[in-house]
Amino acid sequence: VLDRVELRYAGSDAQRLADINALATCDTLPDIALSIRGGY
């Protein structure tokens, strides 16, 4: 995710959405899902 850039965003809407939705299908959940930054 640190290498993603699209306009002012950290990737496309689909990529950024997948970061969250992927938590619903993880076999093993992380202990912490940490946002890299705010913005818009």
PDB file of all heavy atoms in Angstrom:
ATOM      1  N   VAL A   1       0.825  -1.215   0.000  1.00  0.00           N
ATOM      2  CA  VAL A   1       0.000   0.000   0.000  1.00  0.00           C
ATOM      3  C   VAL A   1       0.858   1.263   0.000  1.00  0.00           C
ATOM      4  O   VAL A   1       0.395   2.328  -0.397  1.00  0.00           O
ATOM      5  CB  VAL A   1      -1.003   0.038   1.186  1.00  0.00           C
ATOM      6  CG1 VAL A   1      -1.882  -1.204   1.182  1.00  0.00           C
ATOM      7  CG2 VAL A   1      -0.298   0.205   2.518  1.00  0.00           C
ATOM      8  N   LEU A   2       2.113   1.137   0.423  1.00  0.00           N
ATOM      9  CA  LEU A   2       2.997   2.299   0.481  1.00  0.00           C
ATOM     10  C   LEU A   2       3.469   2.732  -0.901  1.00  0.00           C
ATOM     11  O   LEU A   2       4.019   3.826  -1.061  1.00  0.00           O
ATOM     12  CB  LEU A   2       4.208   1.998   1.372  1.00  0.00           C
ATOM     13  CG  LEU A   2       3.887   1.653   2.833  1.00  0.00           C
ATOM     14  CD1 LEU A   2       5.165   1.324   3.586  1.00  0.00           C
ATOM     15  CD2 LEU A   2       3.142   2.790   3.509  1.00  0.00           C
ATOM     16  N   ASP A   3       3.266   1.890  -1.894  1.00  0.00           N
ATOM     17  CA  ASP A   3       3.693   2.207  -3.261  1.00  0.00           C
ATOM     18  C   ASP A   3       2.540   2.629  -4.159  1.00  0.00           C
ATOM     19  O   ASP A   3       2.747   2.908  -5.333  1.00  0.00           O
ATOM     20  CB  ASP A   3       4.393   0.991  -3.882  1.00  0.00           C
ATOM     21  CG  ASP A   3       5.661   0.623  -3.144  1.00  0.00           C
ATOM     22  OD1 ASP A   3       6.416   1.543  -2.780  1.00  0.00           O
ATOM     23  OD2 ASP A   3       5.900  -0.579  -2.923  1.00  0.00           O
ATOM     24  N   ARG A   4       1.343   2.683  -3.616  1.00  0.00           N
ATOM     25  CA  ARG A   4       0.183   3.017  -4.438  1.00  0.00           C
ATOM     26  C   ARG A   4      -0.062   4.526  -4.469  1.00  0.00           C
ATOM     27  O   ARG A   4      -0.090   5.172  -3.417  1.00  0.00           O
ATOM     28  CB  ARG A   4      -1.074   2.322  -3.907  1.00  0.00           C
ATOM     29  CG  ARG A   4      -1.019   0.822  -3.987  1.00  0.00           C
ATOM     30  CD  ARG A   4      -2.330   0.151  -3.674  1.00  0.00           C
ATOM     31  NE  ARG A   4      -3.158   0.809  -2.694  1.00  0.00           N
ATOM     32  CZ  ARG A   4      -3.888   0.167  -1.777  1.00  0.00           C
ATOM     33  NH1 ARG A   4      -3.884  -1.155  -1.730  1.00  0.00           N
ATOM     34  NH2 ARG A   4      -4.635   0.828  -0.928  1.00  0.00           N
ATOM     35  N   VAL A   5      -0.253   5.057  -5.659  1.00  0.00           N
ATOM     36  CA  VAL A   5      -0.594   6.469  -5.823  1.00  0.00           C
ATOM     37  C   VAL A   5      -1.545   6.594  -7.011  1.00  0.00           C
ATOM     38  O   VAL A   5      -1.252   6.097  -8.097  1.00  0.00           O
ATOM     39  CB  VAL A   5       0.646   7.353  -6.090  1.00  0.00           C
ATOM     40  CG1 VAL A   5       0.232   8.805  -6.302  1.00  0.00           C
ATOM     41  CG2 VAL A   5       1.653   7.250  -4.958  1.00  0.00           C
ATOM     42  N   GLU A   6      -2.685   7.207  -6.763  1.00  0.00           N
ATOM     43  CA  GLU A   6      -3.583   7.583  -7.848  1.00  0.00           C
ATOM     44  C   GLU A   6      -4.203   8.929  -7.485  1.00  0.00           C
ATOM     45  O   GLU A   6      -4.980   9.020  -6.526  1.00  0.00           O
ATOM     46  CB  GLU A   6      -4.677   6.532  -8.072  1.00  0.00           C
ATOM     47  CG  GLU A   6      -5.577   6.902  -9.239  1.00  0.00           C
ATOM     48  CD  GLU A   6      -6.409   5.736  -9.732  1.00  0.00           C
ATOM     49  OE1 GLU A   6      -5.863   4.638  -9.939  1.00  0.00           O
ATOM     50  OE2 GLU A   6      -7.620   5.940  -9.897  1.00  0.00           O
ATOM     51  N   LEU A   7      -3.822   9.954  -8.255  1.00  0.00           N
ATOM     52  CA  LEU A   7      -4.207  11.320  -7.922  1.00  0.00           C
ATOM     53  C   LEU A   7      -3.774  11.625  -6.488  1.00  0.00           C
ATOM     54  O   LEU A   7      -2.608  11.490  -6.162  1.00  0.00           O
ATOM     55  CB  LEU A   7      -5.709  11.514  -8.132  1.00  0.00           C
ATOM     56  CG  LEU A   7      -6.226  11.235  -9.554  1.00  0.00           C
ATOM     57  CD1 LEU A   7      -7.738  11.332  -9.612  1.00  0.00           C
ATOM     58  CD2 LEU A   7      -5.579  12.189 -10.554  1.00  0.00           C
ATOM     59  N   ARG A   8      -4.705  11.994  -5.616  1.00  0.00           N
ATOM     60  CA  ARG A   8      -4.343  12.290  -4.228  1.00  0.00           C
ATOM     61  C   ARG A   8      -4.503  11.084  -3.317  1.00  0.00           C
ATOM     62  O   ARG A   8      -4.299  11.186  -2.107  1.00  0.00           O
ATOM     63  CB  ARG A   8      -5.187  13.445  -3.701  1.00  0.00           C
ATOM     64  CG  ARG A   8      -6.660  13.117  -3.533  1.00  0.00           C
ATOM     65  CD  ARG A   8      -7.452  14.244  -2.938  1.00  0.00           C
ATOM     66  NE  ARG A   8      -7.630  15.321  -3.891  1.00  0.00           N
ATOM     67  CZ  ARG A   8      -8.278  16.435  -3.645  1.00  0.00           C
ATOM     68  NH1 ARG A   8      -8.823  16.638  -2.472  1.00  0.00           N
ATOM     69  NH2 ARG A   8      -8.402  17.368  -4.557  1.00  0.00           N
ATOM     70  N   TYR A   9      -4.889   9.943  -3.899  1.00  0.00           N
ATOM     71  CA  TYR A   9      -5.244   8.767  -3.098  1.00  0.00           C
ATOM     72  C   TYR A   9      -4.136   7.707  -3.091  1.00  0.00           C
ATOM     73  O   TYR A   9      -3.289   7.663  -3.976  1.00  0.00           O
ATOM     74  CB  TYR A   9      -6.527   8.132  -3.634  1.00  0.00           C
ATOM     75  CG  TYR A   9      -7.639   9.115  -3.855  1.00  0.00           C
ATOM     76  CD1 TYR A   9      -8.130   9.367  -5.135  1.00  0.00           C
ATOM     77  CD2 TYR A   9      -8.199   9.811  -2.791  1.00  0.00           C
ATOM     78  CE1 TYR A   9      -9.153  10.280  -5.346  1.00  0.00           C
ATOM     79  CE2 TYR A   9      -9.216  10.727  -2.989  1.00  0.00           C
ATOM     80  CZ  TYR A   9      -9.688  10.968  -4.271  1.00  0.00           C
ATOM     81  OH  TYR A   9     -10.686  11.873  -4.472  1.00  0.00           O
ATOM     82  N   ALA A  10      -4.224   6.815  -2.125  1.00  0.00           N
ATOM     83  CA  ALA A  10      -3.293   5.687  -2.031  1.00  0.00           C
ATOM     84  C   ALA A  10      -3.824   4.527  -2.863  1.00  0.00           C
ATOM     85  O   ALA A  10      -4.086   3.436  -2.360  1.00  0.00           O
ATOM     86  CB  ALA A  10      -3.108   5.272  -0.586  1.00  0.00           C
ATOM     87  N   GLY A  11      -4.012   4.784  -4.141  1.00  0.00           N
ATOM     88  CA  GLY A  11      -4.527   3.768  -5.042  1.00  0.00           C
ATOM     89  C   GLY A  11      -5.928   4.100  -5.510  1.00  0.00           C
ATOM     90  O   GLY A  11      -6.526   5.097  -5.096  1.00  0.00           O
ATOM     91  N   SER A  12      -6.451   3.243  -6.362  1.00  0.00           N
ATOM     92  CA  SER A  12      -7.803   3.424  -6.876  1.00  0.00           C
ATOM     93  C   SER A  12      -8.820   3.169  -5.770  1.00  0.00           C
ATOM     94  O   SER A  12      -8.496   2.591  -4.729  1.00  0.00           O
ATOM     95  CB  SER A  12      -8.056   2.455  -8.033  1.00  0.00           C
ATOM     96  OG  SER A  12      -8.065   1.118  -7.548  1.00  0.00           O
ATOM     97  N   ASP A  13     -10.050   3.589  -6.009  1.00  0.00           N
ATOM     98  CA  ASP A  13     -11.104   3.294  -5.037  1.00  0.00           C
ATOM     99  C   ASP A  13     -11.184   1.792  -4.785  1.00  0.00           C
ATOM    100  O   ASP A  13     -11.334   1.345  -3.650  1.00  0.00           O
ATOM    101  CB  ASP A  13     -12.460   3.808  -5.541  1.00  0.00           C
ATOM    102  CG  ASP A  13     -12.579   5.325  -5.483  1.00  0.00           C
ATOM    103  OD1 ASP A  13     -11.633   5.991  -5.017  1.00  0.00           O
ATOM    104  OD2 ASP A  13     -13.628   5.839  -5.912  1.00  0.00           O
ATOM    105  N   ALA A  14     -11.088   0.999  -5.843  1.00  0.00           N
ATOM    106  CA  ALA A  14     -11.186  -0.457  -5.705  1.00  0.00           C
ATOM    107  C   ALA A  14     -10.057  -1.022  -4.853  1.00  0.00           C
ATOM    108  O   ALA A  14     -10.275  -1.897  -4.010  1.00  0.00           O
ATOM    109  CB  ALA A  14     -11.189  -1.117  -7.087  1.00  0.00           C
ATOM    110  N   GLN A  15      -8.846  -0.512  -5.050  1.00  0.00           N
ATOM    111  CA  GLN A  15      -7.706  -0.987  -4.250  1.00  0.00           C
ATOM    112  C   GLN A  15      -7.866  -0.620  -2.789  1.00  0.00           C
ATOM    113  O   GLN A  15      -7.629  -1.436  -1.893  1.00  0.00           O
ATOM    114  CB  GLN A  15      -6.408  -0.393  -4.798  1.00  0.00           C
ATOM    115  CG  GLN A  15      -5.960  -0.972  -6.114  1.00  0.00           C
ATOM    116  CD  GLN A  15      -4.742  -0.238  -6.652  1.00  0.00           C
ATOM    117  OE1 GLN A  15      -4.697   1.000  -6.676  1.00  0.00           O
ATOM    118  NE2 GLN A  15      -3.732  -0.986  -7.070  1.00  0.00           N
ATOM    119  N   ARG A  16      -8.250   0.623  -2.553  1.00  0.00           N
ATOM    120  CA  ARG A  16      -8.380   1.093  -1.170  1.00  0.00           C
ATOM    121  C   ARG A  16      -9.539   0.393  -0.460  1.00  0.00           C
ATOM    122  O   ARG A  16      -9.455   0.055   0.722  1.00  0.00           O
ATOM    123  CB  ARG A  16      -8.553   2.615  -1.156  1.00  0.00           C
ATOM    124  CG  ARG A  16      -7.311   3.333  -1.655  1.00  0.00           C
ATOM    125  CD  ARG A  16      -7.430   4.854  -1.665  1.00  0.00           C
ATOM    126  NE  ARG A  16      -8.468   5.329  -2.549  1.00  0.00           N
ATOM    127  CZ  ARG A  16      -9.545   5.998  -2.144  1.00  0.00           C
ATOM    128  NH1 ARG A  16      -9.730   6.268  -0.851  1.00  0.00           N
ATOM    129  NH2 ARG A  16     -10.452   6.399  -3.015  1.00  0.00           N
ATOM    130  N   LEU A  17     -10.604   0.144  -1.192  1.00  0.00           N
ATOM    131  CA  LEU A  17     -11.742  -0.583  -0.643  1.00  0.00           C
ATOM    132  C   LEU A  17     -11.352  -2.015  -0.302  1.00  0.00           C
ATOM    133  O   LEU A  17     -11.767  -2.569   0.722  1.00  0.00           O
ATOM    134  CB  LEU A  17     -12.881  -0.560  -1.663  1.00  0.00           C
ATOM    135  CG  LEU A  17     -14.265  -0.990  -1.228  1.00  0.00           C
ATOM    136  CD1 LEU A  17     -14.759  -0.165  -0.055  1.00  0.00           C
ATOM    137  CD2 LEU A  17     -15.225  -0.870  -2.403  1.00  0.00           C
ATOM    138  N   ALA A  18     -10.537  -2.615  -1.157  1.00  0.00           N
ATOM    139  CA  ALA A  18     -10.102  -3.998  -0.932  1.00  0.00           C
ATOM    140  C   ALA A  18      -9.303  -4.146   0.354  1.00  0.00           C
ATOM    141  O   ALA A  18      -9.323  -5.211   0.982  1.00  0.00           O
ATOM    142  CB  ALA A  18      -9.283  -4.490  -2.121  1.00  0.00           C
ATOM    143  N   ASP A  19      -8.591  -3.081   0.767  1.00  0.00           N
ATOM    144  CA  ASP A  19      -7.840  -3.148   2.026  1.00  0.00           C
ATOM    145  C   ASP A  19      -8.761  -3.479   3.196  1.00  0.00           C
ATOM    146  O   ASP A  19      -8.392  -4.242   4.094  1.00  0.00           O
ATOM    147  CB  ASP A  19      -7.158  -1.806   2.329  1.00  0.00           C
ATOM    148  CG  ASP A  19      -6.018  -1.477   1.390  1.00  0.00           C
ATOM    149  OD1 ASP A  19      -5.584  -2.365   0.638  1.00  0.00           O
ATOM    150  OD2 ASP A  19      -5.558  -0.318   1.417  1.00  0.00           O
ATOM    151  N   ILE A  20      -9.953  -2.884   3.186  1.00  0.00           N
ATOM    152  CA  ILE A  20     -10.907  -3.098   4.277  1.00  0.00           C
ATOM    153  C   ILE A  20     -11.691  -4.387   4.060  1.00  0.00           C
ATOM    154  O   ILE A  20     -11.802  -5.228   4.968  1.00  0.00           O
ATOM    155  CB  ILE A  20     -11.893  -1.913   4.396  1.00  0.00           C
ATOM    156  CG1 ILE A  20     -11.140  -0.575   4.473  1.00  0.00           C
ATOM    157  CG2 ILE A  20     -12.794  -2.091   5.611  1.00  0.00           C
ATOM    158  CD1 ILE A  20     -10.230  -0.420   5.641  1.00  0.00           C
ATOM    159  N   ASN A  21     -12.237  -4.573   2.870  1.00  0.00           N
ATOM    160  CA  ASN A  21     -13.070  -5.752   2.605  1.00  0.00           C
ATOM    161  C   ASN A  21     -12.298  -7.057   2.743  1.00  0.00           C
ATOM    162  O   ASN A  21     -12.891  -8.096   3.050  1.00  0.00           O
ATOM    163  CB  ASN A  21     -13.703  -5.658   1.219  1.00  0.00           C
ATOM    164  CG  ASN A  21     -14.866  -4.688   1.180  1.00  0.00           C
ATOM    165  OD1 ASN A  21     -15.515  -4.437   2.193  1.00  0.00           O
ATOM    166  ND2 ASN A  21     -15.134  -4.116   0.016  1.00  0.00           N
ATOM    167  N   ALA A  22     -10.988  -7.017   2.522  1.00  0.00           N
ATOM    168  CA  ALA A  22     -10.172  -8.229   2.656  1.00  0.00           C
ATOM    169  C   ALA A  22     -10.217  -8.785   4.073  1.00  0.00           C
ATOM    170  O   ALA A  22     -10.006  -9.988   4.280  1.00  0.00           O
ATOM    171  CB  ALA A  22      -8.726  -7.943   2.241  1.00  0.00           C
ATOM    172  N   LEU A  23     -10.507  -7.931   5.054  1.00  0.00           N
ATOM    173  CA  LEU A  23     -10.590  -8.406   6.436  1.00  0.00           C
ATOM    174  C   LEU A  23     -11.738  -9.412   6.607  1.00  0.00           C
ATOM    175  O   LEU A  23     -11.714 -10.214   7.534  1.00  0.00           O
ATOM    176  CB  LEU A  23     -10.772  -7.231   7.399  1.00  0.00           C
ATOM    177  CG  LEU A  23      -9.623  -6.219   7.449  1.00  0.00           C
ATOM    178  CD1 LEU A  23      -9.992  -5.033   8.339  1.00  0.00           C
ATOM    179  CD2 LEU A  23      -8.333  -6.880   7.930  1.00  0.00           C
ATOM    180  N   ALA A  24     -12.725  -9.362   5.722  1.00  0.00           N
ATOM    181  CA  ALA A  24     -13.867 -10.273   5.823  1.00  0.00           C
ATOM    182  C   ALA A  24     -13.523 -11.666   5.321  1.00  0.00           C
ATOM    183  O   ALA A  24     -14.268 -12.616   5.593  1.00  0.00           O
ATOM    184  CB  ALA A  24     -15.054  -9.712   5.040  1.00  0.00           C
ATOM    185  N   THR A  25     -12.427 -11.808   4.595  1.00  0.00           N
ATOM    186  CA  THR A  25     -12.104 -13.106   3.995  1.00  0.00           C
ATOM    187  C   THR A  25     -10.747 -13.651   4.438  1.00  0.00           C
ATOM    188  O   THR A  25     -10.309 -14.680   3.928  1.00  0.00           O
ATOM    189  CB  THR A  25     -12.129 -12.997   2.458  1.00  0.00           C
ATOM    190  OG1 THR A  25     -11.218 -11.977   2.037  1.00  0.00           O
ATOM    191  CG2 THR A  25     -13.528 -12.656   1.967  1.00  0.00           C
ATOM    192  N   CYS A  26     -10.096 -12.969   5.367  1.00  0.00           N
ATOM    193  CA  CYS A  26      -8.791 -13.451   5.860  1.00  0.00           C
ATOM    194  C   CYS A  26      -8.954 -14.770   6.597  1.00  0.00           C
ATOM    195  O   CYS A  26      -9.806 -14.892   7.479  1.00  0.00           O
ATOM    196  CB  CYS A  26      -8.183 -12.434   6.832  1.00  0.00           C
ATOM    197  SG  CYS A  26      -7.531 -10.962   6.078  1.00  0.00           S
ATOM    198  N   ASP A  27      -8.124 -15.742   6.263  1.00  0.00           N
ATOM    199  CA  ASP A  27      -8.099 -16.976   7.053  1.00  0.00           C
ATOM    200  C   ASP A  27      -7.593 -16.677   8.460  1.00  0.00           C
ATOM    201  O   ASP A  27      -8.124 -17.169   9.445  1.00  0.00           O
ATOM    202  CB  ASP A  27      -7.205 -18.020   6.378  1.00  0.00           C
ATOM    203  CG  ASP A  27      -7.809 -18.550   5.093  1.00  0.00           C
ATOM    204  OD1 ASP A  27      -9.053 -18.542   4.970  1.00  0.00           O
ATOM    205  OD2 ASP A  27      -7.046 -18.947   4.206  1.00  0.00           O
ATOM    206  N   THR A  28      -6.540 -15.883   8.526  1.00  0.00           N
ATOM    207  CA  THR A  28      -5.974 -15.463   9.806  1.00  0.00           C
ATOM    208  C   THR A  28      -5.973 -13.939   9.843  1.00  0.00           C
ATOM    209  O   THR A  28      -5.323 -13.297   9.025  1.00  0.00           O
ATOM    210  CB  THR A  28      -4.533 -15.978   9.976  1.00  0.00           C
ATOM    211  OG1 THR A  28      -4.528 -17.400   9.843  1.00  0.00           O
ATOM    212  CG2 THR A  28      -3.987 -15.594  11.337  1.00  0.00           C
ATOM    213  N   LEU A  29      -6.705 -13.390  10.785  1.00  0.00           N
ATOM    214  CA  LEU A  29      -6.785 -11.938  10.903  1.00  0.00           C
ATOM    215  C   LEU A  29      -5.511 -11.373  11.522  1.00  0.00           C
ATOM    216  O   LEU A  29      -4.895 -12.012  12.379  1.00  0.00           O
ATOM    217  CB  LEU A  29      -7.974 -11.537  11.778  1.00  0.00           C
ATOM    218  CG  LEU A  29      -9.358 -11.686  11.159  1.00  0.00           C
ATOM    219  CD1 LEU A  29     -10.434 -11.512  12.236  1.00  0.00           C
ATOM    220  CD2 LEU A  29      -9.561 -10.672  10.048  1.00  0.00           C
ATOM    221  N   PRO A  30      -5.127 -10.169  11.125  1.00  0.00           N
ATOM    222  CA  PRO A  30      -4.026  -9.511  11.828  1.00  0.00           C
ATOM    223  C   PRO A  30      -4.497  -9.096  13.225  1.00  0.00           C
ATOM    224  O   PRO A  30      -5.693  -9.025  13.487  1.00  0.00           O
ATOM    225  CB  PRO A  30      -3.743  -8.282  10.952  1.00  0.00           C
ATOM    226  CG  PRO A  30      -5.061  -7.975  10.318  1.00  0.00           C
ATOM    227  CD  PRO A  30      -5.713  -9.313  10.083  1.00  0.00           C
ATOM    228  N   ASP A  31      -3.552  -8.820  14.094  1.00  0.00           N
ATOM    229  CA  ASP A  31      -3.909  -8.280  15.406  1.00  0.00           C
ATOM    230  C   ASP A  31      -4.320  -6.819  15.279  1.00  0.00           C
ATOM    231  O   ASP A  31      -5.199  -6.347  15.995  1.00  0.00           O
ATOM    232  CB  ASP A  31      -2.724  -8.402  16.372  1.00  0.00           C
ATOM    233  CG  ASP A  31      -2.308  -9.848  16.566  1.00  0.00           C
ATOM    234  OD1 ASP A  31      -3.121 -10.615  17.102  1.00  0.00           O
ATOM    235  OD2 ASP A  31      -1.189 -10.200  16.146  1.00  0.00           O
ATOM    236  N   ILE A  32      -3.661  -6.124  14.355  1.00  0.00           N
ATOM    237  CA  ILE A  32      -3.913  -4.692  14.158  1.00  0.00           C
ATOM    238  C   ILE A  32      -4.012  -4.409  12.664  1.00  0.00           C
ATOM    239  O   ILE A  32      -3.129  -4.812  11.896  1.00  0.00           O
ATOM    240  CB  ILE A  32      -2.767  -3.841  14.750  1.00  0.00           C
ATOM    241  CG1 ILE A  32      -2.600  -4.109  16.245  1.00  0.00           C
ATOM    242  CG2 ILE A  32      -3.008  -2.353  14.504  1.00  0.00           C
ATOM    243  CD1 ILE A  32      -1.305  -3.564  16.830  1.00  0.00           C
ATOM    244  N   ALA A  33      -5.076  -3.727  12.264  1.00  0.00           N
ATOM    245  CA  ALA A  33      -5.170  -3.167  10.910  1.00  0.00           C
ATOM    246  C   ALA A  33      -4.930  -1.673  11.083  1.00  0.00           C
ATOM    247  O   ALA A  33      -5.747  -0.972  11.677  1.00  0.00           O
ATOM    248  CB  ALA A  33      -6.530  -3.447  10.297  1.00  0.00           C
ATOM    249  N   LEU A  34      -3.789  -1.191  10.601  1.00  0.00           N
ATOM    250  CA  LEU A  34      -3.328   0.166  10.893  1.00  0.00           C
ATOM    251  C   LEU A  34      -3.352   1.031   9.636  1.00  0.00           C
ATOM    252  O   LEU A  34      -2.707   0.712   8.640  1.00  0.00           O
ATOM    253  CB  LEU A  34      -1.905   0.121  11.455  1.00  0.00           C
ATOM    254  CG  LEU A  34      -1.286   1.443  11.880  1.00  0.00           C
ATOM    255  CD1 LEU A  34      -2.007   2.033  13.085  1.00  0.00           C
ATOM    256  CD2 LEU A  34       0.199   1.247  12.191  1.00  0.00           C
ATOM    257  N   SER A  35      -4.098   2.116   9.709  1.00  0.00           N
ATOM    258  CA  SER A  35      -4.143   3.058   8.596  1.00  0.00           C
ATOM    259  C   SER A  35      -2.806   3.785   8.489  1.00  0.00           C
ATOM    260  O   SER A  35      -2.201   4.146   9.497  1.00  0.00           O
ATOM    261  CB  SER A  35      -5.276   4.062   8.821  1.00  0.00           C
ATOM    262  OG  SER A  35      -5.419   4.910   7.715  1.00  0.00           O
ATOM    263  N   ILE A  36      -2.367   3.998   7.242  1.00  0.00           N
ATOM    264  CA  ILE A  36      -1.053   4.638   7.072  1.00  0.00           C
ATOM    265  C   ILE A  36      -1.128   6.147   7.256  1.00  0.00           C
ATOM    266  O   ILE A  36      -0.178   6.764   7.717  1.00  0.00           O
ATOM    267  CB  ILE A  36      -0.412   4.301   5.716  1.00  0.00           C
ATOM    268  CG1 ILE A  36      -1.246   4.825   4.549  1.00  0.00           C
ATOM    269  CG2 ILE A  36      -0.173   2.803   5.607  1.00  0.00           C
ATOM    270  CD1 ILE A  36      -0.522   4.813   3.211  1.00  0.00           C
ATOM    271  N   ARG A  37      -2.281   6.769   6.884  1.00  0.00           N
ATOM    272  CA  ARG A  37      -2.445   8.212   7.062  1.00  0.00           C
ATOM    273  C   ARG A  37      -3.890   8.584   6.767  1.00  0.00           C
ATOM    274  O   ARG A  37      -4.677   7.768   6.313  1.00  0.00           O
ATOM    275  CB  ARG A  37      -1.504   9.020   6.172  1.00  0.00           C
ATOM    276  CG  ARG A  37      -1.711   8.844   4.685  1.00  0.00           C
ATOM    277  CD  ARG A  37      -1.105   9.963   3.866  1.00  0.00           C
ATOM    278  NE  ARG A  37      -1.807  11.216   4.088  1.00  0.00           N
ATOM    279  CZ  ARG A  37      -1.936  12.176   3.180  1.00  0.00           C
ATOM    280  NH1 ARG A  37      -1.395  12.022   1.986  1.00  0.00           N
ATOM    281  NH2 ARG A  37      -2.589  13.274   3.445  1.00  0.00           N
ATOM    282  N   GLY A  38      -4.224   9.839   7.039  1.00  0.00           N
ATOM    283  CA  GLY A  38      -5.551  10.343   6.714  1.00  0.00           C
ATOM    284  C   GLY A  38      -5.524  11.036   5.371  1.00  0.00           C
ATOM    285  O   GLY A  38      -4.961  10.522   4.419  1.00  0.00           O
ATOM    286  N   GLY A  39      -6.120  12.208   5.316  1.00  0.00           N
ATOM    287  CA  GLY A  39      -6.143  12.949   4.066  1.00  0.00           C
ATOM    288  C   GLY A  39      -7.551  13.121   3.555  1.00  0.00           C
ATOM    289  O   GLY A  39      -8.347  13.870   4.109  1.00  0.00           O
ATOM    290  N   TYR A  40      -7.875  12.383   2.511  1.00  0.00           N
ATOM    291  CA  TYR A  40      -9.169  12.544   1.859  1.00  0.00           C
ATOM    292  C   TYR A  40      -9.488  11.273   1.078  1.00  0.00           C
ATOM    293  O   TYR A  40      -8.590  10.611   0.566  1.00  0.00           O
ATOM    294  CB  TYR A  40      -9.129  13.747   0.905  1.00  0.00           C
ATOM    295  CG  TYR A  40     -10.390  13.944   0.110  1.00  0.00           C
ATOM    296  CD1 TYR A  40     -11.511  14.537   0.674  1.00  0.00           C
ATOM    297  CD2 TYR A  40     -10.459  13.510  -1.208  1.00  0.00           C
ATOM    298  CE1 TYR A  40     -12.674  14.703  -0.048  1.00  0.00           C
ATOM    299  CE2 TYR A  40     -11.615  13.678  -1.956  1.00  0.00           C
ATOM    300  CZ  TYR A  40     -12.723  14.272  -1.379  1.00  0.00           C
ATOM    301  OH  TYR A  40     -13.867  14.430  -2.092  1.00  0.00           O
TER     302      TYR A  40
END
